[in-house]
Amino acid sequence: MLAAIALPSCAVEPSAKENVTVGLTAEDFAFNTSNITVPAGSHVTVNFDNQDSNVRHNLAVYDSAAMKETIFKGELISGPKTIVYTFDAPAKPGTYHFQCDPHASMMKGEFIVT
């Protein structure tokens, strides 16, 4: 005689990603902050405000200032204009790099993942 044994489900549901909204302004060839901090693996929304008339700016996030790996590269927009960027933060905590690609020597900072 065979007996069937019912086991409770052991499936693990993935945890929901945390949603984070960040405001970032580009004005006079500078960002309004040099540090952005977000939780690891979070879904990031950036409300990007380019205040420089007829100047193209963007937000790009890289693994480091050496830019070997692109994490996110936002569309370039001419100001004054706003755009909403969305992307997922790296799952691994650490200090990454963000910049405006055309003006990286002046417009850059640390993208900190906790």
N, C-alpha and C. Protein backbone atom coordinates (compact mmCIF):
# COMPACT_ATOMS: atom_id res chain seq x y z
N MET A 1 0.84 -1.17 0.00
CA MET A 1 0.00 0.00 0.00
C MET A 1 0.89 1.24 0.00
N LEU A 2 0.55 2.20 -0.81
CA LEU A 2 1.31 3.44 -0.90
C LEU A 2 0.59 4.54 -0.14
N ALA A 3 1.35 5.36 0.53
CA ALA A 3 0.76 6.47 1.26
C ALA A 3 1.28 7.78 0.68
N ALA A 4 0.44 8.72 0.53
CA ALA A 4 0.83 10.04 0.03
C ALA A 4 1.01 10.97 1.22
N ILE A 5 2.07 11.71 1.15
CA ILE A 5 2.34 12.66 2.22
C ILE A 5 2.25 14.06 1.62
N ALA A 6 1.49 14.91 2.20
CA ALA A 6 1.37 16.29 1.73
C ALA A 6 2.31 17.16 2.55
N LEU A 7 3.17 17.86 1.85
CA LEU A 7 4.10 18.78 2.52
C LEU A 7 3.65 20.21 2.27
N PRO A 8 3.81 21.06 3.25
CA PRO A 8 3.45 22.46 3.02
C PRO A 8 4.38 23.05 1.96
N SER A 9 3.88 24.02 1.26
CA SER A 9 4.67 24.67 0.21
C SER A 9 5.88 25.35 0.83
N CYS A 10 7.03 25.14 0.21
CA CYS A 10 8.26 25.74 0.70
C CYS A 10 8.73 26.87 -0.21
N ALA A 11 7.90 27.28 -1.12
CA ALA A 11 8.30 28.35 -2.05
C ALA A 11 8.53 29.64 -1.28
N VAL A 12 9.58 30.32 -1.65
CA VAL A 12 9.90 31.60 -1.03
C VAL A 12 9.51 32.69 -2.02
N GLU A 13 8.68 33.59 -1.58
CA GLU A 13 8.26 34.68 -2.45
C GLU A 13 9.34 35.76 -2.42
N PRO A 14 9.69 36.29 -3.60
CA PRO A 14 10.69 37.35 -3.61
C PRO A 14 10.13 38.58 -2.89
N SER A 15 10.99 39.26 -2.18
CA SER A 15 10.54 40.47 -1.49
C SER A 15 10.35 41.58 -2.52
N ALA A 16 9.40 42.44 -2.25
CA ALA A 16 9.13 43.54 -3.16
C ALA A 16 10.28 44.54 -3.11
N LYS A 17 10.59 45.10 -4.27
CA LYS A 17 11.64 46.10 -4.31
C LYS A 17 11.15 47.38 -3.65
N GLU A 18 12.05 48.02 -2.94
CA GLU A 18 11.72 49.29 -2.33
C GLU A 18 11.75 50.36 -3.41
N ASN A 19 10.76 51.23 -3.42
CA ASN A 19 10.73 52.34 -4.37
C ASN A 19 11.33 53.58 -3.72
N VAL A 20 12.26 54.21 -4.42
CA VAL A 20 12.93 55.40 -3.91
C VAL A 20 12.83 56.50 -4.96
N THR A 21 12.46 57.70 -4.54
CA THR A 21 12.40 58.84 -5.45
C THR A 21 13.44 59.87 -5.03
N VAL A 22 14.20 60.33 -6.02
CA VAL A 22 15.28 61.28 -5.78
C VAL A 22 15.06 62.49 -6.69
N GLY A 23 15.30 63.68 -6.17
CA GLY A 23 15.28 64.88 -7.00
C GLY A 23 16.71 65.29 -7.31
N LEU A 24 16.99 65.61 -8.57
CA LEU A 24 18.33 66.04 -8.96
C LEU A 24 18.20 67.20 -9.93
N THR A 25 18.89 68.30 -9.63
CA THR A 25 18.85 69.50 -10.47
C THR A 25 20.22 69.77 -11.05
N ALA A 26 20.23 70.12 -12.34
CA ALA A 26 21.45 70.57 -13.01
C ALA A 26 21.28 72.06 -13.29
N GLU A 27 22.20 72.86 -12.75
CA GLU A 27 22.13 74.31 -12.95
C GLU A 27 23.52 74.91 -12.86
N ASP A 28 23.83 75.81 -13.80
CA ASP A 28 25.15 76.44 -13.87
C ASP A 28 26.26 75.39 -13.93
N PHE A 29 26.04 74.35 -14.73
CA PHE A 29 27.01 73.28 -14.94
C PHE A 29 27.42 72.60 -13.64
N ALA A 30 26.43 72.43 -12.74
CA ALA A 30 26.67 71.73 -11.47
C ALA A 30 25.38 71.02 -11.07
N PHE A 31 25.54 69.89 -10.35
CA PHE A 31 24.40 69.23 -9.74
C PHE A 31 24.15 69.86 -8.38
N ASN A 32 22.92 69.76 -7.89
CA ASN A 32 22.60 70.32 -6.57
C ASN A 32 23.07 69.44 -5.42
N THR A 33 23.63 68.26 -5.72
CA THR A 33 24.18 67.38 -4.69
C THR A 33 25.34 66.59 -5.27
N SER A 34 26.25 66.18 -4.40
CA SER A 34 27.37 65.35 -4.84
C SER A 34 27.24 63.92 -4.32
N ASN A 35 26.12 63.63 -3.62
CA ASN A 35 25.88 62.27 -3.09
C ASN A 35 24.41 61.90 -3.24
N ILE A 36 24.18 60.71 -3.76
CA ILE A 36 22.84 60.13 -3.82
C ILE A 36 22.93 58.78 -3.12
N THR A 37 22.05 58.55 -2.13
CA THR A 37 22.08 57.30 -1.38
C THR A 37 20.74 56.57 -1.54
N VAL A 38 20.82 55.29 -1.92
CA VAL A 38 19.62 54.46 -2.12
C VAL A 38 19.86 53.07 -1.55
N PRO A 39 18.80 52.34 -1.20
CA PRO A 39 18.96 50.96 -0.74
C PRO A 39 19.35 50.02 -1.88
N ALA A 40 20.09 48.99 -1.57
CA ALA A 40 20.50 47.99 -2.56
C ALA A 40 19.27 47.37 -3.22
N GLY A 41 19.32 47.25 -4.54
CA GLY A 41 18.26 46.61 -5.29
C GLY A 41 16.97 47.39 -5.41
N SER A 42 16.95 48.62 -4.92
CA SER A 42 15.71 49.40 -4.96
C SER A 42 15.39 49.87 -6.38
N HIS A 43 14.12 50.17 -6.60
CA HIS A 43 13.67 50.74 -7.86
C HIS A 43 13.76 52.26 -7.69
N VAL A 44 14.63 52.89 -8.47
CA VAL A 44 14.95 54.31 -8.30
C VAL A 44 14.22 55.15 -9.35
N THR A 45 13.54 56.18 -8.89
CA THR A 45 12.95 57.19 -9.77
C THR A 45 13.69 58.49 -9.52
N VAL A 46 14.23 59.08 -10.59
CA VAL A 46 14.95 60.35 -10.46
C VAL A 46 14.16 61.41 -11.21
N ASN A 47 13.72 62.43 -10.47
CA ASN A 47 13.09 63.59 -11.07
C ASN A 47 14.21 64.56 -11.41
N PHE A 48 14.61 64.56 -12.68
CA PHE A 48 15.78 65.31 -13.14
C PHE A 48 15.32 66.64 -13.73
N ASP A 49 15.87 67.73 -13.22
CA ASP A 49 15.50 69.08 -13.62
C ASP A 49 16.72 69.80 -14.18
N ASN A 50 16.75 69.97 -15.50
CA ASN A 50 17.85 70.69 -16.15
C ASN A 50 17.44 72.15 -16.27
N GLN A 51 18.09 73.02 -15.51
CA GLN A 51 17.79 74.45 -15.50
C GLN A 51 18.69 75.26 -16.44
N ASP A 52 19.65 74.64 -17.09
CA ASP A 52 20.58 75.36 -17.97
C ASP A 52 19.99 75.49 -19.37
N SER A 53 19.66 76.72 -19.76
CA SER A 53 19.06 76.98 -21.07
C SER A 53 19.96 76.54 -22.21
N ASN A 54 19.37 75.76 -23.11
CA ASN A 54 20.05 75.29 -24.33
C ASN A 54 21.33 74.51 -24.06
N VAL A 55 21.43 73.89 -22.90
CA VAL A 55 22.59 73.05 -22.56
C VAL A 55 22.06 71.64 -22.30
N ARG A 56 22.72 70.66 -22.91
CA ARG A 56 22.30 69.26 -22.75
C ARG A 56 22.98 68.62 -21.54
N HIS A 57 22.15 68.09 -20.64
CA HIS A 57 22.62 67.38 -19.46
C HIS A 57 21.90 66.03 -19.36
N ASN A 58 22.48 65.13 -18.57
CA ASN A 58 21.83 63.87 -18.25
C ASN A 58 22.35 63.36 -16.92
N LEU A 59 21.82 62.22 -16.52
CA LEU A 59 22.33 61.48 -15.37
C LEU A 59 22.78 60.13 -15.88
N ALA A 60 23.99 59.76 -15.55
CA ALA A 60 24.51 58.43 -15.86
C ALA A 60 25.15 57.88 -14.60
N VAL A 61 24.95 56.59 -14.34
CA VAL A 61 25.51 55.93 -13.16
C VAL A 61 26.41 54.80 -13.65
N TYR A 62 27.63 54.77 -13.10
CA TYR A 62 28.63 53.78 -13.50
C TYR A 62 29.17 53.06 -12.27
N ASP A 63 29.87 51.95 -12.53
CA ASP A 63 30.46 51.17 -11.44
C ASP A 63 31.52 51.97 -10.70
N SER A 64 32.20 52.87 -11.40
CA SER A 64 33.26 53.69 -10.79
C SER A 64 33.52 54.87 -11.73
N ALA A 65 34.42 55.76 -11.31
CA ALA A 65 34.78 56.90 -12.17
C ALA A 65 35.48 56.44 -13.44
N ALA A 66 36.01 55.22 -13.44
CA ALA A 66 36.65 54.66 -14.64
C ALA A 66 35.61 54.26 -15.69
N MET A 67 34.35 54.17 -15.29
CA MET A 67 33.22 53.90 -16.18
C MET A 67 33.36 52.61 -16.98
N LYS A 68 33.80 51.54 -16.33
CA LYS A 68 33.94 50.25 -17.02
C LYS A 68 32.59 49.59 -17.24
N GLU A 69 31.65 49.79 -16.31
CA GLU A 69 30.33 49.17 -16.41
C GLU A 69 29.25 50.23 -16.23
N THR A 70 28.34 50.31 -17.18
CA THR A 70 27.23 51.25 -17.10
C THR A 70 26.08 50.62 -16.31
N ILE A 71 25.64 51.30 -15.28
CA ILE A 71 24.48 50.86 -14.50
C ILE A 71 23.22 51.49 -15.07
N PHE A 72 23.29 52.77 -15.40
CA PHE A 72 22.17 53.49 -16.00
C PHE A 72 22.71 54.67 -16.78
N LYS A 73 22.13 54.93 -17.94
CA LYS A 73 22.51 56.09 -18.75
C LYS A 73 21.24 56.76 -19.23
N GLY A 74 20.96 57.94 -18.67
CA GLY A 74 19.74 58.66 -19.02
C GLY A 74 19.89 59.47 -20.30
N GLU A 75 18.75 59.72 -20.90
CA GLU A 75 18.67 60.53 -22.11
C GLU A 75 19.18 61.94 -21.84
N LEU A 76 19.92 62.50 -22.79
CA LEU A 76 20.35 63.89 -22.71
C LEU A 76 19.17 64.79 -23.02
N ILE A 77 18.98 65.83 -22.20
CA ILE A 77 17.91 66.79 -22.47
C ILE A 77 18.47 68.21 -22.42
N SER A 78 17.97 69.08 -23.30
CA SER A 78 18.33 70.49 -23.28
C SER A 78 17.38 71.22 -22.35
N GLY A 79 17.96 72.12 -21.55
CA GLY A 79 17.15 72.85 -20.59
C GLY A 79 16.59 74.13 -21.17
N PRO A 80 15.69 74.75 -20.43
CA PRO A 80 15.12 74.20 -19.20
C PRO A 80 14.07 73.13 -19.51
N LYS A 81 14.22 72.01 -18.84
CA LYS A 81 13.32 70.88 -19.05
C LYS A 81 13.49 69.88 -17.91
N THR A 82 12.43 69.13 -17.64
CA THR A 82 12.51 68.05 -16.65
C THR A 82 12.22 66.72 -17.33
N ILE A 83 12.74 65.66 -16.74
CA ILE A 83 12.51 64.30 -17.23
C ILE A 83 12.53 63.38 -16.02
N VAL A 84 11.83 62.27 -16.13
CA VAL A 84 11.84 61.26 -15.06
C VAL A 84 12.62 60.05 -15.57
N TYR A 85 13.66 59.70 -14.84
CA TYR A 85 14.46 58.51 -15.14
C TYR A 85 14.07 57.42 -14.13
N THR A 86 14.03 56.17 -14.58
CA THR A 86 13.79 55.06 -13.66
C THR A 86 14.77 53.93 -13.97
N PHE A 87 15.27 53.31 -12.91
CA PHE A 87 16.19 52.18 -13.05
C PHE A 87 16.29 51.47 -11.72
N ASP A 88 16.90 50.30 -11.73
CA ASP A 88 17.11 49.54 -10.50
C ASP A 88 18.53 49.76 -9.99
N ALA A 89 18.65 50.05 -8.71
CA ALA A 89 19.97 50.21 -8.09
C ALA A 89 20.68 48.86 -8.07
N PRO A 90 22.00 48.87 -8.04
CA PRO A 90 22.73 47.60 -7.92
C PRO A 90 22.30 46.84 -6.67
N ALA A 91 22.33 45.52 -6.75
CA ALA A 91 21.98 44.68 -5.60
C ALA A 91 23.09 44.66 -4.57
N LYS A 92 24.30 44.96 -5.00
CA LYS A 92 25.46 44.92 -4.11
C LYS A 92 25.72 46.30 -3.51
N PRO A 93 25.70 46.40 -2.17
CA PRO A 93 26.03 47.68 -1.54
C PRO A 93 27.45 48.13 -1.91
N GLY A 94 27.62 49.43 -1.99
CA GLY A 94 28.93 49.98 -2.30
C GLY A 94 28.81 51.41 -2.78
N THR A 95 29.94 51.98 -3.15
CA THR A 95 29.98 53.34 -3.66
C THR A 95 30.23 53.30 -5.15
N TYR A 96 29.29 53.84 -5.89
CA TYR A 96 29.34 53.89 -7.34
C TYR A 96 29.55 55.35 -7.75
N HIS A 97 29.46 55.63 -9.03
CA HIS A 97 29.76 56.97 -9.55
C HIS A 97 28.60 57.45 -10.41
N PHE A 98 28.21 58.73 -10.23
CA PHE A 98 27.25 59.32 -11.16
C PHE A 98 27.82 60.58 -11.75
N GLN A 99 27.31 60.93 -12.95
CA GLN A 99 27.82 62.11 -13.64
C GLN A 99 26.85 62.55 -14.73
N CYS A 100 27.11 63.74 -15.26
CA CYS A 100 26.51 64.20 -16.51
C CYS A 100 27.55 63.86 -17.57
N ASP A 101 27.19 63.02 -18.54
CA ASP A 101 28.19 62.55 -19.49
C ASP A 101 28.92 63.66 -20.25
N PRO A 102 28.23 64.68 -20.78
CA PRO A 102 28.98 65.71 -21.51
C PRO A 102 29.84 66.61 -20.62
N HIS A 103 29.56 66.65 -19.33
CA HIS A 103 30.27 67.57 -18.43
C HIS A 103 30.82 66.84 -17.19
N ALA A 104 31.36 65.67 -17.41
CA ALA A 104 31.77 64.78 -16.31
C ALA A 104 32.85 65.38 -15.41
N SER A 105 33.67 66.26 -15.94
CA SER A 105 34.73 66.83 -15.10
C SER A 105 34.16 67.79 -14.05
N MET A 106 32.99 68.37 -14.32
CA MET A 106 32.39 69.33 -13.40
C MET A 106 31.17 68.78 -12.67
N MET A 107 30.45 67.86 -13.31
CA MET A 107 29.17 67.39 -12.78
C MET A 107 29.27 65.90 -12.48
N LYS A 108 29.60 65.60 -11.22
CA LYS A 108 29.80 64.21 -10.83
C LYS A 108 29.57 64.05 -9.33
N GLY A 109 29.45 62.80 -8.90
CA GLY A 109 29.26 62.54 -7.48
C GLY A 109 29.27 61.06 -7.18
N GLU A 110 28.99 60.73 -5.92
CA GLU A 110 28.96 59.34 -5.47
C GLU A 110 27.52 58.86 -5.40
N PHE A 111 27.29 57.69 -5.97
CA PHE A 111 26.00 57.01 -5.91
C PHE A 111 26.19 55.88 -4.91
N ILE A 112 25.67 56.09 -3.69
CA ILE A 112 25.94 55.18 -2.58
C ILE A 112 24.77 54.21 -2.41
N VAL A 113 25.08 52.92 -2.45
CA VAL A 113 24.08 51.87 -2.31
C VAL A 113 24.30 51.20 -0.95
N THR A 114 23.26 51.24 -0.11
CA THR A 114 23.38 50.71 1.26
C THR A 114 22.68 49.37 1.41
